[in-house]
Amino acid sequence: MRRAVIFILLCTLILAGCSAPQNNDTQKSAVTEQYVRDAITELINGINEGNVDVVKKYVGASGPVAEKLVAALKDNIQIYNIRDINIQGTTVRATVTLEVVPLKVNKDVSLNFDVTDTLMLNNPLGLLAILVG
């Protein structure tokens, strides 16, 4: 009887393993408000400088959209305030105050991002709405 209990205990330890379970949440890098602020600043600066590669980083595979954003907004927008950053699961929402430089008009724009592997802008053409008064 004693041998059977020891055998069952030994089999349980071998089958269950001795390693601690791995937590995938701690392995993924968490998106912080500062990361979102830096990404939005990089996106707007990329548009202003005409750097299509930086803009493509945030609009994904849609290269023509990045080119259209740069063509329409190059040297025309300035970023003033990034606020109301809301991070929920794989969705990030932020409100950004932008100024259309030639028109001297300030406008609040809501930006929505998907966070999977990188931060991707959901509706990149929504930035063109700041040109429409």
N, C-alpha and C. Protein backbone atom coordinates (compact mmCIF):
# COMPACT_ATOMS: atom_id res chain seq x y z
N MET A 1 0.82 -1.18 0.00
CA MET A 1 0.00 0.00 0.00
C MET A 1 0.87 1.26 0.00
N ARG A 2 1.91 1.20 0.83
CA ARG A 2 2.81 2.35 0.93
C ARG A 2 3.50 2.61 -0.42
N ARG A 3 3.88 1.52 -1.10
CA ARG A 3 4.54 1.66 -2.40
C ARG A 3 3.59 2.25 -3.44
N ALA A 4 2.34 1.91 -3.39
CA ALA A 4 1.35 2.43 -4.33
C ALA A 4 1.16 3.93 -4.14
N VAL A 5 1.11 4.39 -2.87
CA VAL A 5 0.95 5.82 -2.59
C VAL A 5 2.18 6.59 -3.07
N ILE A 6 3.35 6.05 -2.80
CA ILE A 6 4.58 6.71 -3.25
C ILE A 6 4.64 6.73 -4.78
N PHE A 7 4.23 5.65 -5.42
CA PHE A 7 4.22 5.59 -6.88
C PHE A 7 3.25 6.63 -7.47
N ILE A 8 2.05 6.74 -6.90
CA ILE A 8 1.06 7.72 -7.37
C ILE A 8 1.59 9.14 -7.17
N LEU A 9 2.19 9.41 -6.02
CA LEU A 9 2.76 10.73 -5.73
C LEU A 9 3.89 11.06 -6.70
N LEU A 10 4.73 10.10 -6.96
CA LEU A 10 5.84 10.30 -7.89
C LEU A 10 5.34 10.56 -9.31
N CYS A 11 4.35 9.81 -9.74
CA CYS A 11 3.77 10.02 -11.08
C CYS A 11 3.12 11.38 -11.19
N THR A 12 2.45 11.82 -10.12
CA THR A 12 1.82 13.14 -10.13
C THR A 12 2.86 14.22 -10.27
N LEU A 13 3.95 14.14 -9.56
CA LEU A 13 5.01 15.15 -9.66
C LEU A 13 5.66 15.15 -11.04
N ILE A 14 5.84 13.98 -11.61
CA ILE A 14 6.46 13.91 -12.94
C ILE A 14 5.53 14.47 -14.00
N LEU A 15 4.25 14.11 -13.93
CA LEU A 15 3.31 14.59 -14.94
C LEU A 15 3.02 16.08 -14.81
N ALA A 16 2.95 16.58 -13.58
CA ALA A 16 2.64 17.99 -13.38
C ALA A 16 3.85 18.87 -13.66
N GLY A 17 5.01 18.36 -13.46
CA GLY A 17 6.21 19.15 -13.69
C GLY A 17 6.54 20.00 -12.48
N CYS A 18 7.75 20.47 -12.43
CA CYS A 18 8.20 21.24 -11.28
C CYS A 18 8.36 22.72 -11.60
N SER A 19 8.16 23.10 -12.86
CA SER A 19 8.36 24.50 -13.21
C SER A 19 7.12 25.31 -12.88
N ALA A 20 7.36 26.59 -12.58
CA ALA A 20 6.25 27.49 -12.28
C ALA A 20 5.56 27.89 -13.58
N PRO A 21 4.25 28.06 -13.55
CA PRO A 21 3.56 28.48 -14.78
C PRO A 21 4.01 29.86 -15.21
N GLN A 22 4.12 30.03 -16.52
CA GLN A 22 4.56 31.31 -17.05
C GLN A 22 3.36 32.19 -17.29
N ASN A 23 3.51 33.48 -16.94
CA ASN A 23 2.44 34.44 -17.12
C ASN A 23 2.74 35.27 -18.37
N ASN A 24 1.93 35.14 -19.40
CA ASN A 24 2.16 35.85 -20.65
C ASN A 24 1.94 37.35 -20.51
N ASP A 25 1.13 37.79 -19.55
CA ASP A 25 0.87 39.22 -19.37
C ASP A 25 2.12 39.97 -18.95
N THR A 26 2.96 39.35 -18.16
CA THR A 26 4.17 40.03 -17.72
C THR A 26 5.23 40.04 -18.80
N GLN A 27 5.13 39.14 -19.76
CA GLN A 27 6.12 39.11 -20.83
C GLN A 27 5.86 40.19 -21.87
N LYS A 28 4.61 40.56 -22.08
CA LYS A 28 4.29 41.60 -23.04
C LYS A 28 4.60 42.97 -22.44
N SER A 29 5.07 43.85 -23.27
CA SER A 29 5.34 45.19 -22.77
C SER A 29 4.03 45.95 -22.67
N ALA A 30 3.85 46.60 -21.57
CA ALA A 30 2.61 47.34 -21.34
C ALA A 30 2.69 48.70 -22.02
N VAL A 31 1.58 49.13 -22.57
CA VAL A 31 1.50 50.45 -23.20
C VAL A 31 1.16 51.45 -22.10
N THR A 32 1.98 52.48 -21.99
CA THR A 32 1.77 53.50 -20.97
C THR A 32 1.33 54.80 -21.63
N GLU A 33 0.86 55.72 -20.80
CA GLU A 33 0.46 57.04 -21.32
C GLU A 33 1.64 57.74 -21.96
N GLN A 34 2.82 57.61 -21.36
CA GLN A 34 4.00 58.27 -21.91
C GLN A 34 4.36 57.69 -23.27
N TYR A 35 4.21 56.39 -23.43
CA TYR A 35 4.47 55.75 -24.72
C TYR A 35 3.51 56.30 -25.79
N VAL A 36 2.24 56.47 -25.42
CA VAL A 36 1.25 57.00 -26.36
C VAL A 36 1.58 58.44 -26.71
N ARG A 37 1.95 59.26 -25.72
CA ARG A 37 2.33 60.66 -25.97
C ARG A 37 3.51 60.74 -26.93
N ASP A 38 4.52 59.90 -26.68
CA ASP A 38 5.70 59.89 -27.55
C ASP A 38 5.35 59.46 -28.97
N ALA A 39 4.46 58.48 -29.10
CA ALA A 39 4.07 57.99 -30.42
C ALA A 39 3.30 59.06 -31.19
N ILE A 40 2.39 59.75 -30.52
CA ILE A 40 1.62 60.80 -31.20
C ILE A 40 2.54 61.95 -31.61
N THR A 41 3.45 62.32 -30.74
CA THR A 41 4.40 63.38 -31.06
C THR A 41 5.26 62.98 -32.25
N GLU A 42 5.72 61.73 -32.27
CA GLU A 42 6.53 61.25 -33.39
C GLU A 42 5.73 61.25 -34.69
N LEU A 43 4.47 60.86 -34.62
CA LEU A 43 3.60 60.85 -35.80
C LEU A 43 3.40 62.25 -36.36
N ILE A 44 3.07 63.21 -35.50
CA ILE A 44 2.83 64.59 -35.96
C ILE A 44 4.12 65.21 -36.48
N ASN A 45 5.23 64.97 -35.78
CA ASN A 45 6.52 65.50 -36.26
C ASN A 45 6.90 64.87 -37.61
N GLY A 46 6.60 63.57 -37.79
CA GLY A 46 6.87 62.90 -39.06
C GLY A 46 6.06 63.51 -40.19
N ILE A 47 4.80 63.85 -39.89
CA ILE A 47 3.96 64.49 -40.91
C ILE A 47 4.52 65.87 -41.26
N ASN A 48 4.88 66.65 -40.26
CA ASN A 48 5.41 67.99 -40.49
C ASN A 48 6.72 67.98 -41.26
N GLU A 49 7.57 67.01 -40.97
CA GLU A 49 8.88 66.95 -41.62
C GLU A 49 8.81 66.26 -42.99
N GLY A 50 7.66 65.70 -43.32
CA GLY A 50 7.54 65.00 -44.60
C GLY A 50 8.17 63.63 -44.60
N ASN A 51 8.33 63.02 -43.44
CA ASN A 51 8.95 61.72 -43.31
C ASN A 51 7.89 60.62 -43.43
N VAL A 52 7.72 60.10 -44.63
CA VAL A 52 6.68 59.12 -44.92
C VAL A 52 6.93 57.82 -44.15
N ASP A 53 8.19 57.46 -43.95
CA ASP A 53 8.50 56.20 -43.25
C ASP A 53 8.01 56.23 -41.81
N VAL A 54 8.16 57.36 -41.14
CA VAL A 54 7.67 57.48 -39.77
C VAL A 54 6.15 57.39 -39.74
N VAL A 55 5.50 58.03 -40.69
CA VAL A 55 4.03 58.00 -40.75
C VAL A 55 3.55 56.58 -41.07
N LYS A 56 4.24 55.86 -41.96
CA LYS A 56 3.88 54.48 -42.29
C LYS A 56 3.96 53.58 -41.06
N LYS A 57 4.83 53.91 -40.14
CA LYS A 57 4.97 53.13 -38.91
C LYS A 57 3.66 53.10 -38.13
N TYR A 58 2.88 54.17 -38.23
CA TYR A 58 1.65 54.27 -37.46
C TYR A 58 0.38 54.03 -38.28
N VAL A 59 0.48 54.04 -39.60
CA VAL A 59 -0.71 53.76 -40.41
C VAL A 59 -0.66 52.38 -41.03
N GLY A 60 0.43 51.68 -40.84
CA GLY A 60 0.51 50.29 -41.28
C GLY A 60 0.81 50.16 -42.76
N ALA A 61 0.19 49.16 -43.35
CA ALA A 61 0.50 48.80 -44.74
C ALA A 61 -0.08 49.76 -45.76
N SER A 62 -0.91 50.67 -45.32
CA SER A 62 -1.53 51.60 -46.27
C SER A 62 -0.58 52.76 -46.56
N GLY A 63 0.39 52.51 -47.42
CA GLY A 63 1.37 53.52 -47.80
C GLY A 63 0.79 54.74 -48.47
N PRO A 64 -0.19 54.58 -49.36
CA PRO A 64 -0.78 55.77 -49.99
C PRO A 64 -1.44 56.71 -48.99
N VAL A 65 -1.96 56.15 -47.90
CA VAL A 65 -2.56 57.01 -46.87
C VAL A 65 -1.48 57.85 -46.20
N ALA A 66 -0.35 57.24 -45.93
CA ALA A 66 0.76 57.98 -45.32
C ALA A 66 1.23 59.09 -46.25
N GLU A 67 1.33 58.78 -47.53
CA GLU A 67 1.76 59.79 -48.49
C GLU A 67 0.74 60.92 -48.61
N LYS A 68 -0.54 60.58 -48.55
CA LYS A 68 -1.59 61.59 -48.63
C LYS A 68 -1.56 62.50 -47.40
N LEU A 69 -1.34 61.91 -46.22
CA LEU A 69 -1.24 62.72 -44.99
C LEU A 69 -0.07 63.68 -45.07
N VAL A 70 1.07 63.18 -45.51
CA VAL A 70 2.26 64.03 -45.60
C VAL A 70 2.06 65.13 -46.64
N ALA A 71 1.47 64.78 -47.77
CA ALA A 71 1.27 65.78 -48.83
C ALA A 71 0.31 66.88 -48.38
N ALA A 72 -0.73 66.52 -47.66
CA ALA A 72 -1.74 67.50 -47.27
C ALA A 72 -1.35 68.32 -46.05
N LEU A 73 -0.59 67.72 -45.14
CA LEU A 73 -0.36 68.37 -43.85
C LEU A 73 1.08 68.77 -43.58
N LYS A 74 1.98 68.54 -44.52
CA LYS A 74 3.39 68.86 -44.29
C LYS A 74 3.56 70.34 -43.95
N ASP A 75 4.22 70.60 -42.85
CA ASP A 75 4.49 71.95 -42.34
C ASP A 75 3.22 72.76 -42.07
N ASN A 76 2.07 72.10 -41.92
CA ASN A 76 0.82 72.81 -41.71
C ASN A 76 0.19 72.59 -40.35
N ILE A 77 0.73 71.68 -39.54
CA ILE A 77 0.10 71.43 -38.25
C ILE A 77 1.12 71.50 -37.13
N GLN A 78 0.64 71.92 -35.98
CA GLN A 78 1.45 71.97 -34.77
C GLN A 78 0.67 71.31 -33.66
N ILE A 79 1.37 70.56 -32.84
CA ILE A 79 0.72 69.86 -31.73
C ILE A 79 0.83 70.72 -30.47
N TYR A 80 -0.29 70.84 -29.75
CA TYR A 80 -0.30 71.65 -28.54
C TYR A 80 -0.54 70.83 -27.29
N ASN A 81 -1.48 69.92 -27.34
CA ASN A 81 -1.87 69.25 -26.11
C ASN A 81 -2.31 67.83 -26.44
N ILE A 82 -1.80 66.87 -25.68
CA ILE A 82 -2.25 65.48 -25.77
C ILE A 82 -2.88 65.17 -24.43
N ARG A 83 -4.16 64.84 -24.44
CA ARG A 83 -4.86 64.62 -23.17
C ARG A 83 -5.89 63.51 -23.33
N ASP A 84 -6.54 63.21 -22.25
CA ASP A 84 -7.61 62.20 -22.21
C ASP A 84 -7.16 60.88 -22.83
N ILE A 85 -6.01 60.40 -22.40
CA ILE A 85 -5.50 59.13 -22.91
C ILE A 85 -6.21 58.00 -22.16
N ASN A 86 -6.85 57.13 -22.92
CA ASN A 86 -7.61 56.03 -22.35
C ASN A 86 -7.09 54.73 -22.96
N ILE A 87 -6.53 53.87 -22.13
CA ILE A 87 -5.98 52.60 -22.59
C ILE A 87 -6.87 51.49 -22.05
N GLN A 88 -7.52 50.76 -22.95
CA GLN A 88 -8.38 49.64 -22.56
C GLN A 88 -8.06 48.44 -23.44
N GLY A 89 -7.44 47.46 -22.86
CA GLY A 89 -7.10 46.25 -23.61
C GLY A 89 -6.19 46.57 -24.79
N THR A 90 -6.71 46.35 -25.99
CA THR A 90 -5.92 46.60 -27.19
C THR A 90 -6.33 47.87 -27.91
N THR A 91 -7.06 48.74 -27.22
CA THR A 91 -7.52 50.00 -27.82
C THR A 91 -6.99 51.18 -27.01
N VAL A 92 -6.47 52.16 -27.73
CA VAL A 92 -5.99 53.39 -27.09
C VAL A 92 -6.70 54.55 -27.76
N ARG A 93 -7.24 55.44 -26.94
CA ARG A 93 -7.92 56.64 -27.45
C ARG A 93 -7.27 57.85 -26.79
N ALA A 94 -6.99 58.87 -27.59
CA ALA A 94 -6.40 60.10 -27.06
C ALA A 94 -6.98 61.29 -27.80
N THR A 95 -7.10 62.41 -27.09
CA THR A 95 -7.54 63.65 -27.71
C THR A 95 -6.32 64.55 -27.86
N VAL A 96 -6.15 65.10 -29.05
CA VAL A 96 -4.98 65.91 -29.36
C VAL A 96 -5.46 67.26 -29.87
N THR A 97 -4.89 68.34 -29.34
CA THR A 97 -5.17 69.68 -29.86
C THR A 97 -4.10 70.02 -30.88
N LEU A 98 -4.54 70.25 -32.11
CA LEU A 98 -3.65 70.59 -33.21
C LEU A 98 -4.01 71.96 -33.74
N GLU A 99 -3.01 72.67 -34.23
CA GLU A 99 -3.25 73.96 -34.87
C GLU A 99 -2.92 73.84 -36.34
N VAL A 100 -3.85 74.28 -37.18
CA VAL A 100 -3.58 74.38 -38.60
C VAL A 100 -2.86 75.71 -38.77
N VAL A 101 -1.56 75.66 -39.06
CA VAL A 101 -0.70 76.84 -39.01
C VAL A 101 -1.13 77.95 -39.97
N PRO A 102 -1.39 77.66 -41.24
CA PRO A 102 -1.73 78.78 -42.12
C PRO A 102 -3.06 79.45 -41.73
N LEU A 103 -3.98 78.68 -41.16
CA LEU A 103 -5.29 79.22 -40.82
C LEU A 103 -5.35 79.73 -39.38
N LYS A 104 -4.34 79.39 -38.58
CA LYS A 104 -4.30 79.73 -37.15
C LYS A 104 -5.59 79.29 -36.45
N VAL A 105 -5.97 78.05 -36.72
CA VAL A 105 -7.17 77.46 -36.14
C VAL A 105 -6.76 76.28 -35.29
N ASN A 106 -7.21 76.27 -34.02
CA ASN A 106 -6.98 75.13 -33.14
C ASN A 106 -8.15 74.18 -33.24
N LYS A 107 -7.85 72.90 -33.27
CA LYS A 107 -8.91 71.91 -33.37
C LYS A 107 -8.54 70.69 -32.55
N ASP A 108 -9.52 70.17 -31.80
CA ASP A 108 -9.33 68.93 -31.06
C ASP A 108 -9.63 67.76 -31.97
N VAL A 109 -8.71 66.80 -32.01
CA VAL A 109 -8.87 65.61 -32.84
C VAL A 109 -8.77 64.39 -31.94
N SER A 110 -9.71 63.49 -32.08
CA SER A 110 -9.69 62.24 -31.33
C SER A 110 -8.99 61.19 -32.18
N LEU A 111 -7.93 60.60 -31.64
CA LEU A 111 -7.17 59.57 -32.34
C LEU A 111 -7.41 58.23 -31.65
N ASN A 112 -7.68 57.21 -32.44
CA ASN A 112 -7.89 55.86 -31.94
C ASN A 112 -6.81 54.95 -32.48
N PHE A 113 -6.19 54.19 -31.61
CA PHE A 113 -5.12 53.29 -31.99
C PHE A 113 -5.48 51.86 -31.60
N ASP A 114 -4.97 50.90 -32.36
CA ASP A 114 -5.01 49.49 -31.99
C ASP A 114 -3.62 49.11 -31.50
N VAL A 115 -3.59 48.38 -30.42
CA VAL A 115 -2.31 47.92 -29.89
C VAL A 115 -2.29 46.41 -30.01
N THR A 116 -1.56 45.91 -30.98
CA THR A 116 -1.33 44.47 -31.06
C THR A 116 0.15 44.26 -30.83
N ASP A 117 0.95 44.33 -31.86
CA ASP A 117 2.40 44.30 -31.70
C ASP A 117 2.95 45.72 -31.61
N THR A 118 2.33 46.62 -32.36
CA THR A 118 2.74 48.02 -32.35
C THR A 118 1.51 48.90 -32.23
N LEU A 119 1.72 50.17 -32.09
CA LEU A 119 0.62 51.13 -31.98
C LEU A 119 0.23 51.55 -33.40
N MET A 120 -1.00 51.23 -33.81
CA MET A 120 -1.46 51.53 -35.17
C MET A 120 -2.68 52.44 -35.12
N LEU A 121 -2.65 53.50 -35.90
CA LEU A 121 -3.75 54.45 -35.99
C LEU A 121 -4.91 53.81 -36.74
N ASN A 122 -6.11 53.81 -36.14
CA ASN A 122 -7.28 53.18 -36.76
C ASN A 122 -7.77 53.93 -37.99
N ASN A 123 -7.90 55.24 -37.90
CA ASN A 123 -8.45 56.04 -38.99
C ASN A 123 -7.47 57.17 -39.34
N PRO A 124 -6.41 56.86 -40.09
CA PRO A 124 -5.41 57.89 -40.37
C PRO A 124 -5.95 59.06 -41.18
N LEU A 125 -6.94 58.82 -42.03
CA LEU A 125 -7.49 59.91 -42.83
C LEU A 125 -8.31 60.88 -41.97
N GLY A 126 -8.63 60.49 -40.75
CA GLY A 126 -9.32 61.38 -39.83
C GLY A 126 -8.50 62.62 -39.51
N LEU A 127 -7.19 62.53 -39.65
CA LEU A 127 -6.33 63.69 -39.44
C LEU A 127 -6.57 64.77 -40.49
N LEU A 128 -7.01 64.38 -41.66
CA LEU A 128 -7.28 65.36 -42.71
C LEU A 128 -8.49 66.22 -42.37
N ALA A 129 -9.30 65.78 -41.42
CA ALA A 129 -10.49 66.53 -41.03
C ALA A 129 -10.13 67.88 -40.41
N ILE A 130 -8.91 68.04 -39.93
CA ILE A 130 -8.55 69.33 -39.33
C ILE A 130 -8.44 70.43 -40.37
N LEU A 131 -8.27 70.06 -41.63
CA LEU A 131 -8.21 71.07 -42.68
C LEU A 131 -9.58 71.62 -43.04
N VAL A 132 -10.61 70.82 -42.77
CA VAL A 132 -11.98 71.25 -43.03
C VAL A 132 -12.47 71.98 -41.79
N GLY A 133 -12.79 73.21 -41.91
CA GLY A 133 -13.09 74.10 -40.81
C GLY A 133 -14.30 73.80 -40.05
